[in-house]
Amino acid sequence: MLETETESYPRRVYPLDAHDLTEEQIAVAFAMTSRRPEPFDEIARQVSQEKAAGFHERWVLGYGHASVAEHAVIHLAMENISRLACDALEDNRLASYTEKSSRYQLMPADFFHLPQELKQDRPLTSLFNDTCAQLFKDYHGMVDACIDHLKGEYPQREKERDSVYKTRLSRMATDSCRALLPAATLTNVGVTANARVLEHAVSKLMSSELEEERVLGEDIRDQARIITPTLIKYAGRNDYMEAARRAQTGLSNRFAQAEAVSSTPSNSVANRTARAEDARSNVKLLHWDDQAEERLAAALLYRRSHLSYDEIWSRVVDMGTEQRSQIIAESVDGMGPHDAPVREFELVDYTFEFLMDYGAYREFKRHRMQSYIPQPLSTIHGYEVPQLLVDAGLQQRFEDALGPVEEAYKQVGEISPAVAEYLVTHAHFRRLITRINLRECYHLFKLRTSELAHFAIREPILEAMRLAVDTHPSLFRHLSLRDYPAWWPFPQN
């Protein structure tokens, strides 16, 4: 009997070809399976573009079944937008982004955005333009100086072609000298997102206080409508997003701004050169679960049990530490270096506060499974001097280059704090808090503590890992790393 049923309904796995169907038609075909008995391909043959539009008008727009829009996938290429605008775009979890890298490419001398908000103020426009132009001039000059220094540190290898040698040294130089680039620096980014995510991204951008971001939102909406005209139909400015931003600004000014300004260190104190010593003061573990081990052990037992959570929790609390550790150890046994822990690890989380430079922040925010809240970009927390520039004798030159940035930031900020953020360089520190669950910690610590990771993000993540390991050693005993720090307290896997 079972064999007959299996033969009557054979398994099928197949794509609905986007060359034959529009993204909206595919979304409708998938959505209709909830109410239609036919196979997907038969449903798809019945769905014309007009029917797809009508379905979306009724069910997605009329009844709020927005999940249907998740089946329509859109690929967009975006070029020559500022890094600041790119940050706003990428602040959406459920999408994929691949961006032009400042670590591996030398940016052209005039590769920055000039905010339209300043166009009515010619002196400020000149100040902004001159500040960015000088930063790019210093950037190119220091890249050349670093390459000259690196030639003495890294001789050309035997049989290494001149072009390959030049590229190798250039990448090492740009990796550090990118610290001079401002947030106004232009970038290209490829985006893959479903229509539901993209609609939300458009609303956030069009609700921005920056004109560039509002215009970018309109451009994304217009291009996405070509692919999914109905699903993106009503994407636009969101009144609540604007009101919430204004309310938070007002509340911070009333209750937090004075304290923040009064405690801000002078630049001479805030500027950093010795990263290893500063990392400890730049990372704080704010909150953690005092019963994290019990919580994880209970979740691991719950998955394959039929007992209530309360019953399992009572048993776990009554256990000794050794027994709970055994539960955790057996659950991760066999986990390879590229494996993620089981989902139960998500029930334990940590809240950190970081003070990291803007370049590191742009890499850190790519870990979108976390919840992070950054403060505005500013110059008030000082900046990081990359070690390569110190070694090359360029520290004073670097600091001289950043001095005018702080004055320009202040002057532009008097007109618009949001526009002033364009001037903040990748070297300047940004403060943020983040909540990261234990499962994501495993991924973050594996990836960003590797010696292959950029030094600007590696150091704060190493310190965050040390704080987490010190707090809950039993939860990280089985973490496999590519490169172990000297303080690692467990046998290396």
Protein backbone atom coordinates (compact mmCIF):
# COMPACT_ATOMS: atom_id res chain seq x y z
CA MET A 1 0.00 0.00 0.00
CA LEU A 2 2.78 2.44 0.93
CA GLU A 3 4.66 1.61 -2.29
CA THR A 4 1.55 2.35 -4.38
CA GLU A 5 1.05 5.72 -2.67
CA THR A 6 4.69 6.60 -3.21
CA GLU A 7 4.49 5.74 -6.91
CA SER A 8 1.25 7.72 -7.27
CA TYR A 9 2.87 10.84 -5.84
CA PRO A 10 6.53 10.78 -6.87
CA ARG A 11 8.88 13.32 -5.37
CA ARG A 12 9.70 16.26 -7.65
CA VAL A 13 12.25 18.99 -7.11
CA TYR A 14 12.57 21.54 -9.91
CA PRO A 15 13.03 25.27 -10.50
CA LEU A 16 10.46 27.64 -11.86
CA ASP A 17 12.53 29.31 -14.55
CA ALA A 18 12.85 33.06 -14.13
CA HIS A 19 13.48 33.27 -17.89
CA ASP A 20 9.97 32.01 -18.60
CA LEU A 21 8.16 33.64 -15.67
CA THR A 22 8.41 37.02 -14.05
CA GLU A 23 9.31 37.26 -10.37
CA GLU A 24 5.71 38.23 -9.60
CA GLN A 25 4.37 35.19 -11.46
CA ILE A 26 6.71 32.91 -9.52
CA ALA A 27 5.58 34.49 -6.25
CA VAL A 28 1.93 33.93 -7.17
CA ALA A 29 2.54 30.31 -8.22
CA PHE A 30 4.13 29.59 -4.86
CA ALA A 31 1.43 31.45 -2.95
CA MET A 32 -1.45 29.71 -4.75
CA THR A 33 -0.33 26.27 -3.60
CA SER A 34 -2.00 26.96 -0.27
CA ARG A 35 -5.40 26.95 -2.02
CA ARG A 36 -4.83 24.98 -5.22
CA PRO A 37 -4.13 21.22 -5.52
CA GLU A 38 -2.22 21.34 -8.82
CA PRO A 39 1.58 21.05 -9.08
CA PHE A 40 3.55 24.30 -9.11
CA ASP A 41 4.37 24.16 -12.82
CA GLU A 42 0.69 23.70 -13.75
CA ILE A 43 -0.27 26.63 -11.54
CA ALA A 44 2.48 28.69 -13.12
CA ARG A 45 1.18 28.00 -16.63
CA GLN A 46 -2.18 29.44 -15.58
CA VAL A 47 -0.75 32.61 -14.08
CA SER A 48 -0.53 35.47 -16.55
CA GLN A 49 1.10 38.77 -15.65
CA GLU A 50 -2.33 40.32 -15.25
CA LYS A 51 -3.45 37.58 -12.86
CA ALA A 52 -0.24 37.96 -10.88
CA ALA A 53 -0.82 41.69 -10.48
CA GLY A 54 -4.43 41.11 -9.47
CA PHE A 55 -3.44 38.47 -6.92
CA HIS A 56 -0.91 40.77 -5.32
CA GLU A 57 -3.32 43.70 -5.27
CA ARG A 58 -5.87 41.59 -3.43
CA TRP A 59 -3.84 39.39 -1.11
CA VAL A 60 -0.59 41.25 -0.51
CA LEU A 61 -1.79 44.84 -0.60
CA GLY A 62 -5.39 44.31 0.38
CA TYR A 63 -5.11 41.64 3.06
CA GLY A 64 -1.57 42.17 4.24
CA HIS A 65 -0.14 38.75 3.28
CA ALA A 66 3.30 40.26 2.79
CA SER A 67 5.09 36.91 3.01
CA VAL A 68 4.04 36.26 -0.60
CA ALA A 69 6.46 39.00 -1.64
CA GLU A 70 9.36 36.98 -0.24
CA HIS A 71 9.18 34.68 -3.27
CA ALA A 72 9.99 37.50 -5.70
CA VAL A 73 13.77 37.95 -5.78
CA ILE A 74 15.45 41.06 -7.14
CA HIS A 75 19.11 41.62 -8.02
CA LEU A 76 20.21 45.25 -8.13
CA ALA A 77 23.61 46.74 -8.97
CA MET A 78 24.25 50.06 -7.25
CA GLU A 79 27.22 52.19 -8.15
CA ASN A 80 28.77 55.38 -6.81
CA ILE A 81 26.84 55.73 -3.58
CA SER A 82 28.55 56.95 -0.43
CA ARG A 83 29.64 54.49 2.22
CA LEU A 84 27.31 56.29 4.60
CA ALA A 85 24.32 55.62 2.34
CA CYS A 86 25.53 52.07 1.80
CA ASP A 87 25.49 51.55 5.58
CA ALA A 88 21.84 52.61 5.68
CA LEU A 89 21.00 50.25 2.82
CA GLU A 90 22.83 47.31 4.39
CA ASP A 91 21.08 47.82 7.71
CA ASN A 92 18.54 45.19 6.64
CA ARG A 93 19.18 41.64 7.79
CA LEU A 94 17.49 39.49 5.18
CA ALA A 95 19.42 40.39 2.05
CA SER A 96 22.81 39.68 0.50
CA TYR A 97 25.38 42.39 -0.20
CA THR A 98 28.75 42.35 -1.94
CA GLU A 99 30.59 45.66 -1.83
CA LYS A 100 33.63 47.26 -3.44
CA SER A 101 36.54 46.69 -1.05
CA SER A 102 38.75 49.52 0.18
CA ARG A 103 41.19 46.90 1.45
CA TYR A 104 42.11 45.64 -2.01
CA GLN A 105 41.47 48.60 -4.31
CA LEU A 106 43.08 52.02 -4.56
CA MET A 107 40.33 54.64 -4.66
CA PRO A 108 40.52 57.46 -7.27
CA ALA A 109 41.45 60.93 -6.03
CA ASP A 110 37.97 62.46 -6.42
CA PHE A 111 35.94 59.41 -5.39
CA PHE A 112 33.61 61.00 -2.83
CA HIS A 113 30.03 62.24 -2.51
CA LEU A 114 29.27 65.96 -2.19
CA PRO A 115 26.04 66.35 -0.16
CA GLN A 116 23.35 68.41 -1.85
CA GLU A 117 22.30 69.78 1.53
CA LEU A 118 25.31 72.11 1.38
CA LYS A 119 24.69 73.48 -2.12
CA GLN A 120 23.10 76.70 -0.80
CA ASP A 121 26.08 77.40 1.45
CA ARG A 122 29.11 77.98 -0.76
CA PRO A 123 31.67 78.37 2.07
CA LEU A 124 30.56 75.08 3.65
CA THR A 125 30.52 73.39 0.25
CA SER A 126 34.10 74.52 -0.34
CA LEU A 127 35.11 73.42 3.16
CA PHE A 128 33.57 69.98 2.68
CA ASN A 129 35.05 69.52 -0.80
CA ASP A 130 38.50 70.75 0.21
CA THR A 131 38.55 68.53 3.32
CA CYS A 132 37.67 65.39 1.38
CA ALA A 133 40.01 66.26 -1.50
CA GLN A 134 42.89 66.72 0.94
CA LEU A 135 42.11 63.43 2.65
CA PHE A 136 42.29 61.64 -0.69
CA LYS A 137 45.53 63.44 -1.54
CA ASP A 138 47.03 62.37 1.80
CA TYR A 139 45.67 58.86 1.25
CA HIS A 140 47.46 58.50 -2.10
CA GLY A 141 50.64 60.02 -0.71
CA MET A 142 50.72 57.67 2.27
CA VAL A 143 49.99 54.63 0.10
CA ASP A 144 53.10 55.47 -1.92
CA ALA A 145 55.15 56.11 1.24
CA CYS A 146 54.00 52.82 2.79
CA ILE A 147 54.91 50.90 -0.37
CA ASP A 148 58.42 52.39 -0.21
CA HIS A 149 58.66 51.31 3.44
CA LEU A 150 57.33 47.82 2.70
CA LYS A 151 59.94 47.23 0.00
CA GLY A 152 62.52 47.19 2.77
CA GLU A 153 60.42 44.87 4.94
CA TYR A 154 59.25 42.45 2.23
CA PRO A 155 61.81 41.90 -0.56
CA GLN A 156 60.63 40.64 -3.91
CA ARG A 157 60.35 36.86 -3.92
CA GLU A 158 62.32 34.68 -6.28
CA LYS A 159 60.53 34.41 -9.65
CA GLU A 160 57.82 36.84 -8.44
CA ARG A 161 56.76 39.04 -11.35
CA ASP A 162 57.12 42.81 -10.88
CA SER A 163 53.38 43.33 -11.32
CA VAL A 164 52.55 40.68 -8.70
CA TYR A 165 55.07 42.15 -6.25
CA LYS A 166 53.68 45.65 -6.74
CA THR A 167 50.12 44.40 -6.20
CA ARG A 168 51.13 42.55 -3.03
CA LEU A 169 52.71 45.62 -1.47
CA SER A 170 49.91 47.89 -2.70
CA ARG A 171 47.29 45.75 -0.98
CA MET A 172 49.20 45.86 2.28
CA ALA A 173 49.46 49.65 1.99
CA THR A 174 45.81 50.28 1.08
CA ASP A 175 44.73 47.96 3.88
CA SER A 176 46.10 50.48 6.40
CA CYS A 177 45.85 53.75 4.49
CA ARG A 178 42.12 53.27 3.94
CA ALA A 179 41.84 54.66 7.47
CA LEU A 180 42.07 58.13 5.91
CA LEU A 181 39.03 57.65 3.70
CA PRO A 182 35.89 59.54 4.80
CA ALA A 183 32.38 58.11 4.99
CA ALA A 184 31.66 60.20 1.88
CA THR A 185 33.88 57.79 -0.11
CA LEU A 186 31.93 56.24 -2.96
CA THR A 187 31.36 52.54 -3.31
CA ASN A 188 29.58 49.96 -5.47
CA VAL A 189 27.37 47.26 -4.01
CA GLY A 190 25.46 44.34 -5.47
CA VAL A 191 22.23 43.51 -3.66
CA THR A 192 20.05 40.41 -3.76
CA ALA A 193 16.81 40.71 -1.81
CA ASN A 194 13.23 39.61 -1.95
CA ALA A 195 10.52 42.16 -2.63
CA ARG A 196 9.34 42.28 0.98
CA VAL A 197 12.81 43.14 2.32
CA LEU A 198 13.43 45.61 -0.47
CA GLU A 199 10.17 47.41 0.20
CA HIS A 200 11.22 47.88 3.84
CA ALA A 201 14.67 49.07 2.76
CA VAL A 202 13.10 51.60 0.41
CA SER A 203 10.88 52.94 3.19
CA LYS A 204 13.86 53.34 5.54
CA LEU A 205 15.91 55.13 2.92
CA MET A 206 13.09 57.44 1.84
CA SER A 207 12.47 58.34 5.49
CA SER A 208 16.09 59.40 5.98
CA GLU A 209 17.16 62.93 6.86
CA LEU A 210 19.88 62.71 4.19
CA GLU A 211 18.94 63.64 0.64
CA GLU A 212 21.29 61.10 -0.91
CA GLU A 213 19.58 58.27 0.95
CA ARG A 214 16.10 59.52 0.05
CA VAL A 215 17.04 59.71 -3.64
CA LEU A 216 18.69 56.27 -3.44
CA GLY A 217 15.45 54.89 -2.01
CA GLU A 218 13.49 56.36 -4.92
CA ASP A 219 15.96 54.90 -7.45
CA ILE A 220 15.75 51.44 -5.87
CA ARG A 221 11.95 51.62 -5.84
CA ASP A 222 11.79 52.68 -9.50
CA GLN A 223 14.15 49.95 -10.67
CA ALA A 224 12.52 47.26 -8.52
CA ARG A 225 9.12 48.17 -9.94
CA ILE A 226 10.38 47.14 -13.37
CA ILE A 227 10.78 43.61 -12.01
CA THR A 228 7.92 43.49 -9.49
CA PRO A 229 5.60 46.41 -10.30
CA THR A 230 2.89 45.43 -7.83
CA LEU A 231 4.96 44.24 -4.87
CA ILE A 232 6.96 47.46 -4.62
CA LYS A 233 4.02 49.60 -5.64
CA TYR A 234 3.48 51.44 -2.36
CA ALA A 235 7.01 51.55 -0.96
CA GLY A 236 7.70 55.07 0.23
CA ARG A 237 8.39 57.40 3.12
CA ASN A 238 7.30 56.12 6.52
CA ASP A 239 5.90 58.68 8.97
CA TYR A 240 6.64 56.55 12.03
CA MET A 241 10.32 56.09 11.13
CA GLU A 242 10.75 59.85 10.83
CA ALA A 243 8.81 60.53 14.04
CA ALA A 244 10.80 57.91 15.99
CA ARG A 245 14.10 59.41 14.84
CA ARG A 246 13.01 62.91 15.87
CA ALA A 247 11.73 61.63 19.23
CA GLN A 248 14.98 59.80 20.00
CA THR A 249 17.02 62.85 19.06
CA GLY A 250 14.93 65.02 21.36
CA LEU A 251 15.12 62.55 24.22
CA SER A 252 18.90 62.20 23.89
CA ASN A 253 19.31 65.97 23.89
CA ARG A 254 17.19 66.24 27.04
CA PHE A 255 18.50 63.32 29.07
CA ALA A 256 21.84 62.08 27.68
CA GLN A 257 23.65 64.66 25.59
CA ALA A 258 25.15 66.76 28.39
CA GLU A 259 26.66 63.77 30.16
CA ALA A 260 28.04 62.36 26.90
CA VAL A 261 29.75 65.60 25.93
CA SER A 262 31.20 66.27 29.37
CA SER A 263 32.79 62.82 29.53
CA THR A 264 34.28 62.96 26.03
CA PRO A 265 38.08 62.80 26.15
CA SER A 266 40.20 65.36 24.37
CA ASN A 267 41.66 64.23 21.07
CA SER A 268 45.15 64.06 22.55
CA VAL A 269 43.88 61.46 25.01
CA ALA A 270 41.52 59.66 22.65
CA ASN A 271 43.91 59.11 19.75
CA ARG A 272 45.25 55.57 19.79
CA THR A 273 48.43 53.92 18.62
CA ALA A 274 48.90 50.94 20.97
CA ARG A 275 45.95 48.76 20.02
CA ALA A 276 46.62 45.74 22.22
CA GLU A 277 46.62 47.83 25.40
CA ASP A 278 43.56 49.85 24.39
CA ALA A 279 41.39 46.89 23.36
CA ARG A 280 40.40 46.08 26.93
CA SER A 281 39.01 49.55 27.59
CA ASN A 282 37.28 49.65 24.20
CA VAL A 283 35.18 46.51 24.75
CA LYS A 284 32.79 45.90 27.62
CA LEU A 285 30.56 42.94 28.40
CA LEU A 286 27.43 44.67 29.68
CA HIS A 287 24.93 41.86 30.24
CA TRP A 288 25.00 38.08 30.37
CA ASP A 289 22.90 35.26 31.73
CA ASP A 290 23.98 34.04 35.17
CA GLN A 291 22.33 30.69 34.39
CA ALA A 292 23.61 30.36 30.84
CA GLU A 293 24.96 26.85 31.34
CA GLU A 294 21.65 25.66 32.80
CA ARG A 295 19.70 27.37 30.02
CA LEU A 296 21.77 25.72 27.30
CA ALA A 297 21.66 22.27 28.89
CA ALA A 298 17.87 22.52 29.32
CA ALA A 299 17.41 23.52 25.68
CA LEU A 300 19.61 20.63 24.51
CA LEU A 301 17.52 18.15 26.50
CA TYR A 302 14.21 19.72 25.47
CA ARG A 303 14.65 19.10 21.75
CA ARG A 304 14.20 15.30 21.88
CA SER A 305 12.05 15.07 25.01
CA HIS A 306 8.30 15.04 25.64
CA LEU A 307 8.56 16.73 29.04
CA SER A 308 7.56 20.33 29.60
CA TYR A 309 10.32 22.91 29.81
CA ASP A 310 9.57 23.49 33.50
CA GLU A 311 10.14 19.80 34.23
CA ILE A 312 13.41 19.73 32.30
CA TRP A 313 14.57 22.97 33.91
CA SER A 314 14.01 21.55 37.38
CA ARG A 315 16.11 18.50 36.55
CA VAL A 316 18.92 20.58 35.04
CA VAL A 317 19.06 22.94 38.02
CA ASP A 318 19.38 19.93 40.36
CA MET A 319 22.30 18.56 38.35
CA GLY A 320 25.92 19.14 39.22
CA THR A 321 28.21 21.22 37.05
CA GLU A 322 29.98 18.14 35.73
CA GLN A 323 26.75 16.57 34.48
CA ARG A 324 25.61 19.77 32.73
CA SER A 325 29.03 20.08 31.10
CA GLN A 326 28.71 16.50 29.88
CA ILE A 327 25.37 17.32 28.22
CA ILE A 328 26.96 20.24 26.39
CA ALA A 329 30.09 18.28 25.45
CA GLU A 330 28.17 15.35 23.96
CA SER A 331 25.96 17.74 21.97
CA VAL A 332 28.95 19.33 20.22
CA ASP A 333 30.96 16.14 19.80
CA GLY A 334 31.96 15.78 16.16
CA MET A 335 31.47 19.45 15.33
CA GLY A 336 33.99 20.36 12.64
CA PRO A 337 35.78 23.70 12.20
CA HIS A 338 33.22 24.84 9.62
CA ASP A 339 30.14 23.52 11.42
CA ALA A 340 27.70 25.74 13.32
CA PRO A 341 26.50 24.63 16.76
CA VAL A 342 22.94 23.41 17.03
CA ARG A 343 20.19 26.02 17.27
CA GLU A 344 19.77 25.58 21.02
CA PHE A 345 22.88 27.76 21.41
CA GLU A 346 20.73 30.73 20.37
CA LEU A 347 18.98 30.73 23.77
CA VAL A 348 22.09 32.18 25.47
CA ASP A 349 23.16 35.71 24.61
CA TYR A 350 25.61 38.46 25.51
CA THR A 351 25.40 42.24 25.27
CA PHE A 352 28.64 44.03 24.45
CA GLU A 353 29.60 47.66 24.04
CA PHE A 354 32.32 48.35 21.49
CA LEU A 355 34.36 51.40 20.65
CA MET A 356 35.80 50.43 17.27
CA ASP A 357 36.97 52.41 14.30
CA TYR A 358 34.55 53.03 11.45
CA GLY A 359 36.41 50.67 9.12
CA ALA A 360 36.03 47.83 11.63
CA TYR A 361 32.38 48.74 12.20
CA ARG A 362 31.66 48.36 8.48
CA GLU A 363 32.92 44.78 8.66
CA PHE A 364 31.29 44.05 12.01
CA LYS A 365 27.79 45.02 10.84
CA ARG A 366 27.92 42.29 8.20
CA HIS A 367 27.15 39.81 10.98
CA ARG A 368 23.45 40.52 10.68
CA MET A 369 22.19 37.77 13.00
CA GLN A 370 23.12 40.03 15.89
CA SER A 371 21.13 43.05 17.08
CA TYR A 372 23.35 46.13 17.02
CA ILE A 373 22.66 49.78 17.79
CA PRO A 374 25.37 52.25 16.68
CA GLN A 375 25.68 55.84 17.81
CA PRO A 376 26.14 58.54 15.15
CA LEU A 377 29.46 58.76 13.36
CA SER A 378 31.56 61.50 14.93
CA THR A 379 35.11 62.66 15.61
CA ILE A 380 34.65 63.08 19.38
CA HIS A 381 36.03 59.66 20.38
CA GLY A 382 39.37 60.06 18.64
CA TYR A 383 40.88 57.73 16.07
CA GLU A 384 43.17 54.78 15.46
CA VAL A 385 46.61 55.23 13.91
CA PRO A 386 47.35 52.04 11.91
CA GLN A 387 50.54 50.32 13.02
CA LEU A 388 51.96 50.23 9.51
CA LEU A 389 51.89 54.02 9.38
CA VAL A 390 53.63 54.20 12.76
CA ASP A 391 56.31 51.77 11.56
CA ALA A 392 56.76 53.77 8.34
CA GLY A 393 57.30 56.99 10.29
CA LEU A 394 54.00 58.47 9.10
CA GLN A 395 52.16 58.87 12.41
CA GLN A 396 52.56 62.65 12.65
CA ARG A 397 51.64 63.05 9.00
CA PHE A 398 48.54 60.95 9.60
CA GLU A 399 47.50 62.99 12.64
CA ASP A 400 48.10 66.24 10.78
CA ALA A 401 45.79 64.98 8.02
CA LEU A 402 42.98 64.27 10.49
CA GLY A 403 43.21 67.59 12.32
CA PRO A 404 41.25 69.59 9.68
CA VAL A 405 38.59 66.85 9.59
CA GLU A 406 37.59 67.58 13.18
CA GLU A 407 37.20 71.30 12.50
CA ALA A 408 35.22 70.68 9.29
CA TYR A 409 33.03 68.15 11.11
CA LYS A 410 32.26 70.74 13.77
CA GLN A 411 31.36 73.48 11.28
CA VAL A 412 29.17 71.27 9.07
CA GLY A 413 27.60 69.77 12.18
CA GLU A 414 26.29 73.18 13.22
CA ILE A 415 24.15 73.13 10.07
CA SER A 416 23.40 69.40 9.99
CA PRO A 417 24.85 66.71 12.29
CA ALA A 418 23.72 64.07 9.79
CA VAL A 419 25.64 65.64 6.89
CA ALA A 420 28.71 66.08 9.10
CA GLU A 421 28.92 62.27 9.36
CA TYR A 422 30.11 62.14 5.74
CA LEU A 423 33.42 63.67 6.90
CA VAL A 424 34.23 61.07 9.54
CA THR A 425 37.11 58.85 8.44
CA HIS A 426 37.50 55.10 8.69
CA ALA A 427 40.05 55.70 11.47
CA HIS A 428 37.61 57.45 13.80
CA PHE A 429 36.06 55.46 16.61
CA ARG A 430 32.36 54.69 16.71
CA ARG A 431 30.52 53.43 19.78
CA LEU A 432 27.82 50.76 19.60
CA ILE A 433 26.08 48.12 21.64
CA THR A 434 25.20 44.69 20.34
CA ARG A 435 23.40 41.59 21.56
CA ILE A 436 24.87 38.37 20.19
CA ASN A 437 23.63 34.88 20.93
CA LEU A 438 26.04 32.06 21.71
CA ARG A 439 25.61 30.42 18.33
CA GLU A 440 26.51 33.64 16.52
CA CYS A 441 29.42 34.12 18.93
CA TYR A 442 30.90 30.87 17.66
CA HIS A 443 30.68 32.13 14.07
CA LEU A 444 31.90 35.66 14.87
CA PHE A 445 34.82 34.50 17.01
CA LYS A 446 35.93 31.88 14.48
CA LEU A 447 35.93 34.30 11.58
CA ARG A 448 37.10 37.57 13.08
CA THR A 449 39.86 36.35 15.42
CA SER A 450 41.72 34.70 12.57
CA GLU A 451 45.03 36.26 11.61
CA LEU A 452 43.50 36.69 8.14
CA ALA A 453 40.96 39.14 9.58
CA HIS A 454 41.65 42.86 9.36
CA PHE A 455 43.53 44.05 12.43
CA ALA A 456 40.97 46.78 13.16
CA ILE A 457 38.20 44.25 13.79
CA ARG A 458 40.38 41.37 15.01
CA GLU A 459 41.53 43.15 18.17
CA PRO A 460 38.11 44.14 19.57
CA ILE A 461 36.65 40.72 18.74
CA LEU A 462 39.56 39.00 20.46
CA GLU A 463 38.81 41.05 23.56
CA ALA A 464 35.08 40.31 23.34
CA MET A 465 35.90 36.61 23.09
CA ARG A 466 38.19 36.83 26.13
CA LEU A 467 35.42 38.45 28.17
CA ALA A 468 32.89 35.82 27.11
CA VAL A 469 35.29 32.92 27.78
CA ASP A 470 36.17 34.32 31.21
CA THR A 471 32.47 34.62 32.04
CA HIS A 472 31.33 31.20 30.78
CA PRO A 473 34.39 28.99 30.16
CA SER A 474 32.33 25.81 29.91
CA LEU A 475 30.35 27.20 26.96
CA PHE A 476 33.42 27.94 24.86
CA ARG A 477 35.57 24.93 25.71
CA HIS A 478 34.63 23.32 22.39
CA LEU A 479 35.07 26.40 20.19
CA SER A 480 37.49 25.57 17.36
CA LEU A 481 39.58 28.50 16.12
CA ARG A 482 41.89 28.95 13.17
CA ASP A 483 44.37 30.91 15.29
CA TYR A 484 44.34 30.61 19.08
CA PRO A 485 45.38 33.59 21.25
CA ALA A 486 48.16 33.08 23.82
CA TRP A 487 45.66 33.27 26.69
CA TRP A 488 43.42 30.45 25.39
CA PRO A 489 42.67 28.35 28.51
CA PHE A 490 41.70 25.03 26.89
CA PRO A 491 43.44 22.34 24.87
CA GLN A 492 43.51 23.45 21.24
CA ASN A 493 41.29 21.42 18.94
